Amino acid sequence: MITVAIAEDHVSLSDGLQLFLEQETDIKVKYTATNGVQLLSKFKEEPTDVILTDISMPEMNGIELCKTIKSQYNSTKVIALSMFDNSGAIKDMINAGVDGYVLKSSPLIDLRQAVRDVFNDQNYFDVHIKEQVEEIQSQKLKKNLLSRSEREILQFIAKGLTSQQIAEIRGSAISTVNKHRKNMIQKLGLSGKRELLEYAMNQHAHSNS
């Protein structure tokens, strides 16, 4: 039996999801909540195998809920159920450790499949966001290639700082900063400084907005 908890601030939708999922003999919705704080309170008393969560909710949104669950109960699977198909929301959930992402506009059978897939240690991402997910995961892998110093310099580059300004802030030589720039260009497979700037701005655009 797959046990499920639902965090969704629209009660009618939450009730509908529960009715649909419980038509299956192998799925049981243990409880629902209208925000992340309420769900966490219930979850501590009665953990479930899978959590379905909306992203936009009062008090604690789905991103923070996912981060908390993954940091304290890593074996629990989390699926984002959202109307948002933009890369920013998807990236935030992936970075939070989400196991699946289903659009509210998709058929309910997709959600049912997502529950079963993540329970069996497989990720499930809605077919309509496949390209965004692949791009985000690719960028994440590339970023993991960078050292801590390179990631720090990348943040400064995203803010439009020159090598001299970065060197002054870090208390290092300009040649050291330029060497890190060159290494990042090689590691990320970029053609030069312009592409490095574009990459840096793209990586940090959401966090700086």
Foldseek 3Di string as FASTA:
>chain_A
DFEEEEAAQPVVVVVVLQVVLVVDPVYHYPYYHPALVVVVVVCVVPPGQEYEAEADGPPHGPLRSLLVCCVPPVRRAYEYEYQDLDLLSVLSNVVSPHQEYHYVPDDSVLVSVQSVQVSVVHGYYDPVNVVSVVVSVLLVVLVVVADPVLLVLLLVLLVVDDLVVVCVVVVHDSVVSVVSLVVSCVSNVHDDDVVSSVSSVVVCVSVVD
